[in-house]
Amino acid sequence: MEIGFSCDQSGWIFIHGDERPEHERDGQWTTKIDEDGCIDFQHWIEAIESSFEGDAFTVVKIDGTKFIVPAFDEDAEEQSDDDPFVVAIGEMILDVLMNAKSDGVFEPLKTFGAVQLDIEDFNGGWGWPEYDDLGKTNLA
């Protein structure tokens, strides 16, 4: 099960049931994106757009901590660090997914065999689990 998301060019989460015998993080899920099948989070893109218009915004993470995403500065040096907004969204989805797993939400799927849970930012800015851990640490 692939949970894809985007929070920098549009705001949405898309849940895709990968029915291939062996799941791979190869972007296949992106070919299945359907606007009607996405959960809309328009306020994510509105926040990003406000940054481009010169306004900082505050993000409240899943653990209640907050951080500020500064206004976009086109003159600033490009940073190689992960985008904290993308990371915060990915971690929020991971927390919800792990709570669902703990609550047994995915148990009925196990009748079909091993089920992998995979989260990926549409632009590749964040993913879980680490690529080398696919099929090891992400089983439902």
N, C-alpha and C. Protein backbone atom coordinates (compact mmCIF):
# COMPACT_ATOMS: atom_id res chain seq x y z
N MET A 1 0.85 -1.16 0.00
CA MET A 1 0.00 0.00 0.00
C MET A 1 0.90 1.23 0.00
N GLU A 2 0.74 2.03 -1.01
CA GLU A 2 1.55 3.23 -1.18
C GLU A 2 0.72 4.44 -0.80
N ILE A 3 1.25 5.25 0.10
CA ILE A 3 0.61 6.50 0.45
C ILE A 3 1.49 7.60 -0.12
N GLY A 4 0.99 8.25 -1.15
CA GLY A 4 1.73 9.32 -1.79
C GLY A 4 1.15 10.66 -1.36
N PHE A 5 2.00 11.67 -1.35
CA PHE A 5 1.51 12.99 -0.97
C PHE A 5 2.28 14.07 -1.70
N SER A 6 1.65 15.24 -1.76
CA SER A 6 2.30 16.42 -2.33
C SER A 6 1.90 17.61 -1.48
N CYS A 7 2.88 18.43 -1.16
CA CYS A 7 2.57 19.62 -0.35
C CYS A 7 3.31 20.86 -0.81
N ASP A 8 3.91 20.81 -1.99
CA ASP A 8 4.61 22.01 -2.43
C ASP A 8 4.10 22.58 -3.75
N GLN A 9 3.45 21.79 -4.56
CA GLN A 9 2.85 22.30 -5.79
C GLN A 9 1.33 22.15 -5.76
N SER A 10 0.87 21.27 -4.91
CA SER A 10 -0.55 21.06 -4.64
C SER A 10 -0.61 20.35 -3.30
N GLY A 11 -1.78 20.28 -2.71
CA GLY A 11 -1.89 19.67 -1.40
C GLY A 11 -2.84 18.49 -1.42
N TRP A 12 -2.29 17.27 -1.33
CA TRP A 12 -3.13 16.08 -1.35
C TRP A 12 -2.39 14.88 -0.79
N ILE A 13 -3.19 13.87 -0.44
CA ILE A 13 -2.70 12.53 -0.10
C ILE A 13 -3.44 11.57 -1.01
N PHE A 14 -2.72 10.59 -1.54
CA PHE A 14 -3.31 9.57 -2.42
C PHE A 14 -2.91 8.20 -1.89
N ILE A 15 -3.89 7.34 -1.70
CA ILE A 15 -3.63 5.98 -1.22
C ILE A 15 -3.81 5.03 -2.39
N HIS A 16 -2.75 4.27 -2.67
CA HIS A 16 -2.76 3.36 -3.82
C HIS A 16 -2.50 1.94 -3.36
N GLY A 17 -3.37 1.03 -3.74
CA GLY A 17 -3.17 -0.39 -3.45
C GLY A 17 -2.33 -1.01 -4.55
N ASP A 18 -1.05 -1.20 -4.29
CA ASP A 18 -0.14 -1.80 -5.27
C ASP A 18 -0.38 -3.30 -5.29
N GLU A 19 -0.93 -3.80 -6.38
CA GLU A 19 -1.30 -5.22 -6.48
C GLU A 19 -0.23 -6.08 -7.14
N ARG A 20 0.91 -5.51 -7.44
CA ARG A 20 1.98 -6.30 -8.05
C ARG A 20 2.49 -7.34 -7.05
N PRO A 21 3.00 -8.45 -7.54
CA PRO A 21 3.51 -9.49 -6.63
C PRO A 21 4.63 -8.98 -5.72
N GLU A 22 5.47 -8.11 -6.21
CA GLU A 22 6.57 -7.53 -5.42
C GLU A 22 6.48 -6.01 -5.51
N HIS A 23 6.25 -5.37 -4.38
CA HIS A 23 6.19 -3.91 -4.36
C HIS A 23 7.59 -3.33 -4.54
N GLU A 24 7.68 -2.27 -5.32
CA GLU A 24 8.92 -1.52 -5.48
C GLU A 24 8.61 -0.04 -5.38
N ARG A 25 9.54 0.72 -4.82
CA ARG A 25 9.36 2.17 -4.80
C ARG A 25 9.93 2.71 -6.11
N ASP A 26 9.08 2.66 -7.12
CA ASP A 26 9.52 3.03 -8.46
C ASP A 26 8.64 4.11 -9.09
N GLY A 27 7.78 4.71 -8.28
CA GLY A 27 6.93 5.77 -8.79
C GLY A 27 5.71 5.29 -9.54
N GLN A 28 5.50 3.99 -9.61
CA GLN A 28 4.35 3.42 -10.33
C GLN A 28 3.04 4.03 -9.83
N TRP A 29 2.95 4.28 -8.53
CA TRP A 29 1.73 4.83 -7.96
C TRP A 29 1.35 6.17 -8.59
N THR A 30 2.33 6.94 -9.06
CA THR A 30 2.03 8.25 -9.61
C THR A 30 1.21 8.17 -10.90
N THR A 31 1.29 7.03 -11.59
CA THR A 31 0.50 6.86 -12.81
C THR A 31 -0.96 6.58 -12.50
N LYS A 32 -1.26 6.31 -11.25
CA LYS A 32 -2.63 5.97 -10.84
C LYS A 32 -3.35 7.13 -10.15
N ILE A 33 -2.65 8.25 -9.98
CA ILE A 33 -3.26 9.38 -9.26
C ILE A 33 -4.51 9.82 -9.99
N ASP A 34 -5.57 9.93 -9.24
CA ASP A 34 -6.88 10.32 -9.75
C ASP A 34 -7.39 11.43 -8.82
N GLU A 35 -7.70 12.57 -9.39
CA GLU A 35 -8.13 13.70 -8.57
C GLU A 35 -9.29 13.33 -7.65
N ASP A 36 -10.22 12.50 -8.14
CA ASP A 36 -11.35 12.10 -7.31
C ASP A 36 -10.92 11.16 -6.18
N GLY A 37 -9.77 10.52 -6.33
CA GLY A 37 -9.29 9.59 -5.31
C GLY A 37 -8.32 10.21 -4.33
N CYS A 38 -8.04 11.49 -4.48
CA CYS A 38 -7.11 12.18 -3.58
C CYS A 38 -7.86 12.82 -2.42
N ILE A 39 -7.20 12.84 -1.28
CA ILE A 39 -7.71 13.58 -0.13
C ILE A 39 -7.08 14.97 -0.23
N ASP A 40 -7.93 15.97 -0.33
CA ASP A 40 -7.46 17.33 -0.60
C ASP A 40 -7.01 18.04 0.68
N PHE A 41 -5.84 18.65 0.62
CA PHE A 41 -5.31 19.48 1.69
C PHE A 41 -4.87 20.80 1.08
N GLN A 42 -5.84 21.54 0.58
CA GLN A 42 -5.56 22.79 -0.12
C GLN A 42 -4.79 23.77 0.75
N HIS A 43 -5.00 23.72 2.06
CA HIS A 43 -4.31 24.68 2.93
C HIS A 43 -2.79 24.47 2.93
N TRP A 44 -2.32 23.27 2.55
CA TRP A 44 -0.87 23.07 2.44
C TRP A 44 -0.29 23.96 1.35
N ILE A 45 -0.93 23.94 0.19
CA ILE A 45 -0.41 24.73 -0.93
C ILE A 45 -0.62 26.22 -0.67
N GLU A 46 -1.71 26.56 0.01
CA GLU A 46 -1.93 27.96 0.36
C GLU A 46 -0.82 28.48 1.27
N ALA A 47 -0.36 27.64 2.19
CA ALA A 47 0.75 28.02 3.08
C ALA A 47 2.03 28.22 2.27
N ILE A 48 2.32 27.28 1.37
CA ILE A 48 3.52 27.40 0.54
C ILE A 48 3.45 28.66 -0.33
N GLU A 49 2.28 28.91 -0.91
CA GLU A 49 2.13 30.10 -1.75
C GLU A 49 2.35 31.38 -0.94
N SER A 50 1.89 31.37 0.32
CA SER A 50 2.10 32.56 1.16
C SER A 50 3.59 32.80 1.40
N SER A 51 4.37 31.71 1.48
CA SER A 51 5.82 31.83 1.64
C SER A 51 6.43 32.52 0.42
N PHE A 52 5.95 32.16 -0.77
CA PHE A 52 6.46 32.78 -1.99
C PHE A 52 6.03 34.25 -2.10
N GLU A 53 4.96 34.59 -1.38
CA GLU A 53 4.48 35.98 -1.39
C GLU A 53 5.11 36.81 -0.27
N GLY A 54 6.07 36.21 0.46
CA GLY A 54 6.79 36.96 1.47
C GLY A 54 6.37 36.74 2.90
N ASP A 55 5.47 35.80 3.15
CA ASP A 55 5.00 35.55 4.52
C ASP A 55 5.55 34.23 5.05
N ALA A 56 6.01 34.25 6.29
CA ALA A 56 6.39 33.01 6.97
C ALA A 56 5.10 32.33 7.45
N PHE A 57 5.17 31.03 7.71
CA PHE A 57 4.02 30.35 8.31
C PHE A 57 4.50 29.34 9.34
N THR A 58 3.61 29.04 10.29
CA THR A 58 3.94 28.13 11.38
C THR A 58 3.33 26.76 11.09
N VAL A 59 4.12 25.72 11.32
CA VAL A 59 3.67 24.35 11.18
C VAL A 59 3.61 23.73 12.57
N VAL A 60 2.48 23.12 12.89
CA VAL A 60 2.35 22.37 14.14
C VAL A 60 2.51 20.91 13.78
N LYS A 61 3.58 20.30 14.29
CA LYS A 61 3.87 18.90 13.98
C LYS A 61 2.94 17.97 14.76
N ILE A 62 2.94 16.71 14.38
CA ILE A 62 2.07 15.71 14.99
C ILE A 62 2.30 15.58 16.49
N ASP A 63 3.52 15.88 16.95
CA ASP A 63 3.82 15.79 18.39
C ASP A 63 3.52 17.09 19.13
N GLY A 64 2.96 18.07 18.42
CA GLY A 64 2.58 19.33 19.04
C GLY A 64 3.65 20.41 18.99
N THR A 65 4.86 20.04 18.62
CA THR A 65 5.91 21.06 18.49
C THR A 65 5.64 21.91 17.25
N LYS A 66 6.18 23.10 17.27
CA LYS A 66 5.96 24.03 16.17
C LYS A 66 7.29 24.47 15.58
N PHE A 67 7.26 24.82 14.31
CA PHE A 67 8.41 25.46 13.69
C PHE A 67 7.89 26.42 12.63
N ILE A 68 8.73 27.38 12.31
CA ILE A 68 8.35 28.40 11.33
C ILE A 68 9.04 28.12 10.00
N VAL A 69 8.25 28.13 8.95
CA VAL A 69 8.80 28.06 7.59
C VAL A 69 8.94 29.51 7.15
N PRO A 70 10.17 29.96 6.92
CA PRO A 70 10.37 31.37 6.58
C PRO A 70 9.84 31.71 5.19
N ALA A 71 9.65 32.99 4.97
CA ALA A 71 9.28 33.45 3.64
C ALA A 71 10.37 33.05 2.66
N PHE A 72 9.96 32.72 1.46
CA PHE A 72 10.91 32.32 0.42
C PHE A 72 11.82 33.50 0.08
N ASP A 73 13.09 33.22 -0.03
CA ASP A 73 14.08 34.23 -0.38
C ASP A 73 14.83 33.74 -1.62
N GLU A 74 14.52 34.32 -2.76
CA GLU A 74 15.13 33.85 -4.00
C GLU A 74 16.62 34.13 -4.06
N ASP A 75 17.12 35.02 -3.21
CA ASP A 75 18.55 35.32 -3.19
C ASP A 75 19.33 34.41 -2.25
N ALA A 76 18.63 33.66 -1.43
CA ALA A 76 19.31 32.77 -0.48
C ALA A 76 19.95 31.60 -1.22
N GLU A 77 21.04 31.10 -0.64
CA GLU A 77 21.69 29.93 -1.22
C GLU A 77 20.77 28.73 -1.06
N GLU A 78 20.75 27.90 -2.09
CA GLU A 78 19.93 26.69 -2.03
C GLU A 78 20.51 25.76 -0.97
N GLN A 79 19.62 25.24 -0.13
CA GLN A 79 20.07 24.35 0.94
C GLN A 79 19.86 22.91 0.52
N SER A 80 20.78 22.07 0.94
CA SER A 80 20.68 20.65 0.58
C SER A 80 19.90 19.86 1.62
N ASP A 81 19.52 20.52 2.73
CA ASP A 81 18.76 19.83 3.77
C ASP A 81 17.37 19.48 3.26
N ASP A 82 16.78 18.48 3.91
CA ASP A 82 15.41 18.12 3.57
C ASP A 82 14.48 19.29 3.91
N ASP A 83 13.47 19.48 3.09
CA ASP A 83 12.48 20.53 3.33
C ASP A 83 11.71 20.18 4.61
N PRO A 84 11.77 21.02 5.65
CA PRO A 84 11.13 20.67 6.91
C PRO A 84 9.61 20.52 6.80
N PHE A 85 8.99 21.24 5.87
CA PHE A 85 7.55 21.11 5.69
C PHE A 85 7.21 19.74 5.12
N VAL A 86 7.94 19.31 4.10
CA VAL A 86 7.73 17.99 3.50
C VAL A 86 7.98 16.90 4.54
N VAL A 87 9.05 17.04 5.32
CA VAL A 87 9.36 16.06 6.37
C VAL A 87 8.24 16.00 7.39
N ALA A 88 7.73 17.15 7.83
CA ALA A 88 6.65 17.18 8.82
C ALA A 88 5.39 16.49 8.30
N ILE A 89 5.05 16.70 7.04
CA ILE A 89 3.88 16.04 6.46
C ILE A 89 4.12 14.53 6.39
N GLY A 90 5.29 14.12 5.93
CA GLY A 90 5.61 12.70 5.87
C GLY A 90 5.56 12.03 7.23
N GLU A 91 6.12 12.69 8.24
CA GLU A 91 6.11 12.13 9.59
C GLU A 91 4.70 12.04 10.15
N MET A 92 3.84 13.01 9.82
CA MET A 92 2.45 12.97 10.25
C MET A 92 1.74 11.77 9.64
N ILE A 93 1.93 11.56 8.35
CA ILE A 93 1.32 10.41 7.68
C ILE A 93 1.84 9.11 8.29
N LEU A 94 3.14 9.04 8.56
CA LEU A 94 3.72 7.85 9.17
C LEU A 94 3.11 7.58 10.54
N ASP A 95 2.93 8.61 11.34
CA ASP A 95 2.33 8.44 12.66
C ASP A 95 0.91 7.89 12.56
N VAL A 96 0.12 8.45 11.66
CA VAL A 96 -1.25 7.97 11.45
C VAL A 96 -1.23 6.52 10.98
N LEU A 97 -0.33 6.20 10.06
CA LEU A 97 -0.22 4.84 9.53
C LEU A 97 0.16 3.84 10.62
N MET A 98 1.12 4.20 11.47
CA MET A 98 1.55 3.30 12.54
C MET A 98 0.47 3.11 13.59
N ASN A 99 -0.30 4.16 13.86
CA ASN A 99 -1.43 4.02 14.78
C ASN A 99 -2.50 3.11 14.19
N ALA A 100 -2.75 3.25 12.89
CA ALA A 100 -3.72 2.37 12.23
C ALA A 100 -3.24 0.92 12.28
N LYS A 101 -1.95 0.72 12.08
CA LYS A 101 -1.39 -0.64 12.16
C LYS A 101 -1.58 -1.19 13.57
N SER A 102 -1.26 -0.40 14.59
CA SER A 102 -1.42 -0.83 15.98
C SER A 102 -2.87 -1.16 16.31
N ASP A 103 -3.79 -0.44 15.67
CA ASP A 103 -5.21 -0.67 15.90
C ASP A 103 -5.76 -1.84 15.09
N GLY A 104 -4.92 -2.49 14.28
CA GLY A 104 -5.34 -3.66 13.52
C GLY A 104 -6.06 -3.37 12.22
N VAL A 105 -6.00 -2.13 11.76
CA VAL A 105 -6.71 -1.74 10.54
C VAL A 105 -6.30 -2.58 9.34
N PHE A 106 -5.03 -2.99 9.27
CA PHE A 106 -4.53 -3.69 8.10
C PHE A 106 -4.63 -5.21 8.21
N GLU A 107 -5.07 -5.73 9.34
CA GLU A 107 -5.15 -7.18 9.55
C GLU A 107 -5.91 -7.90 8.44
N PRO A 108 -7.09 -7.42 8.01
CA PRO A 108 -7.82 -8.13 6.95
C PRO A 108 -7.03 -8.26 5.64
N LEU A 109 -6.11 -7.36 5.38
CA LEU A 109 -5.33 -7.41 4.14
C LEU A 109 -4.33 -8.55 4.14
N LYS A 110 -3.96 -9.03 5.32
CA LYS A 110 -2.94 -10.07 5.42
C LYS A 110 -3.39 -11.39 4.80
N THR A 111 -4.69 -11.56 4.59
CA THR A 111 -5.17 -12.78 3.94
C THR A 111 -4.67 -12.87 2.50
N PHE A 112 -4.23 -11.75 1.95
CA PHE A 112 -3.72 -11.71 0.58
C PHE A 112 -2.21 -11.88 0.52
N GLY A 113 -1.58 -12.06 1.67
CA GLY A 113 -0.12 -12.21 1.73
C GLY A 113 0.52 -11.03 2.42
N ALA A 114 1.83 -10.93 2.28
CA ALA A 114 2.57 -9.84 2.92
C ALA A 114 2.15 -8.50 2.32
N VAL A 115 1.86 -7.56 3.18
CA VAL A 115 1.45 -6.23 2.74
C VAL A 115 2.50 -5.23 3.22
N GLN A 116 3.07 -4.50 2.26
CA GLN A 116 4.04 -3.46 2.61
C GLN A 116 3.33 -2.11 2.68
N LEU A 117 3.75 -1.31 3.63
CA LEU A 117 3.28 0.06 3.77
C LEU A 117 4.42 0.97 3.33
N ASP A 118 4.14 1.89 2.45
CA ASP A 118 5.18 2.73 1.86
C ASP A 118 4.64 4.15 1.72
N ILE A 119 5.42 5.12 2.14
CA ILE A 119 5.02 6.53 2.05
C ILE A 119 6.06 7.26 1.20
N GLU A 120 5.56 8.08 0.28
CA GLU A 120 6.51 8.80 -0.58
C GLU A 120 5.95 10.16 -1.00
N ASP A 121 6.78 11.17 -0.86
CA ASP A 121 6.47 12.49 -1.38
C ASP A 121 6.53 12.42 -2.91
N PHE A 122 5.58 13.04 -3.57
CA PHE A 122 5.50 13.01 -5.03
C PHE A 122 6.81 13.44 -5.68
N ASN A 123 7.48 14.42 -5.09
CA ASN A 123 8.72 14.93 -5.65
C ASN A 123 9.96 14.23 -5.10
N GLY A 124 9.77 13.19 -4.31
CA GLY A 124 10.90 12.43 -3.79
C GLY A 124 11.63 13.07 -2.63
N GLY A 125 11.03 14.09 -2.01
CA GLY A 125 11.69 14.79 -0.91
C GLY A 125 11.67 14.06 0.41
N TRP A 126 10.83 13.05 0.55
CA TRP A 126 10.75 12.28 1.79
C TRP A 126 10.11 10.93 1.47
N GLY A 127 10.58 9.91 2.12
CA GLY A 127 9.99 8.58 1.95
C GLY A 127 10.24 7.73 3.18
N TRP A 128 9.36 6.79 3.39
CA TRP A 128 9.50 5.81 4.47
C TRP A 128 9.02 4.48 3.95
N PRO A 129 9.71 3.40 4.27
CA PRO A 129 10.97 3.33 5.01
C PRO A 129 12.13 3.71 4.11
N GLU A 130 13.33 3.66 4.66
CA GLU A 130 14.51 3.85 3.83
C GLU A 130 14.46 2.80 2.72
N TYR A 131 14.96 3.14 1.56
CA TYR A 131 14.85 2.25 0.39
C TYR A 131 15.34 0.84 0.69
N ASP A 132 16.47 0.71 1.38
CA ASP A 132 17.03 -0.62 1.67
C ASP A 132 16.20 -1.43 2.66
N ASP A 133 15.26 -0.77 3.35
CA ASP A 133 14.43 -1.45 4.34
C ASP A 133 13.07 -1.88 3.79
N LEU A 134 12.81 -1.58 2.52
CA LEU A 134 11.53 -2.00 1.92
C LEU A 134 11.38 -3.51 2.05
N GLY A 135 10.21 -3.93 2.49
CA GLY A 135 9.93 -5.35 2.66
C GLY A 135 10.46 -5.93 3.95
N LYS A 136 11.12 -5.11 4.76
CA LYS A 136 11.67 -5.58 6.03
C LYS A 136 11.01 -4.89 7.22
N THR A 137 11.03 -3.57 7.23
CA THR A 137 10.52 -2.82 8.38
C THR A 137 9.15 -2.20 8.14
N ASN A 138 8.58 -2.41 6.98
CA ASN A 138 7.33 -1.73 6.64
C ASN A 138 6.18 -2.69 6.39
N LEU A 139 6.24 -3.87 6.96
CA LEU A 139 5.16 -4.83 6.75
C LEU A 139 3.96 -4.51 7.64
N ALA A 140 2.77 -4.63 7.05
CA ALA A 140 1.55 -4.40 7.82
C ALA A 140 1.39 -5.55 8.77
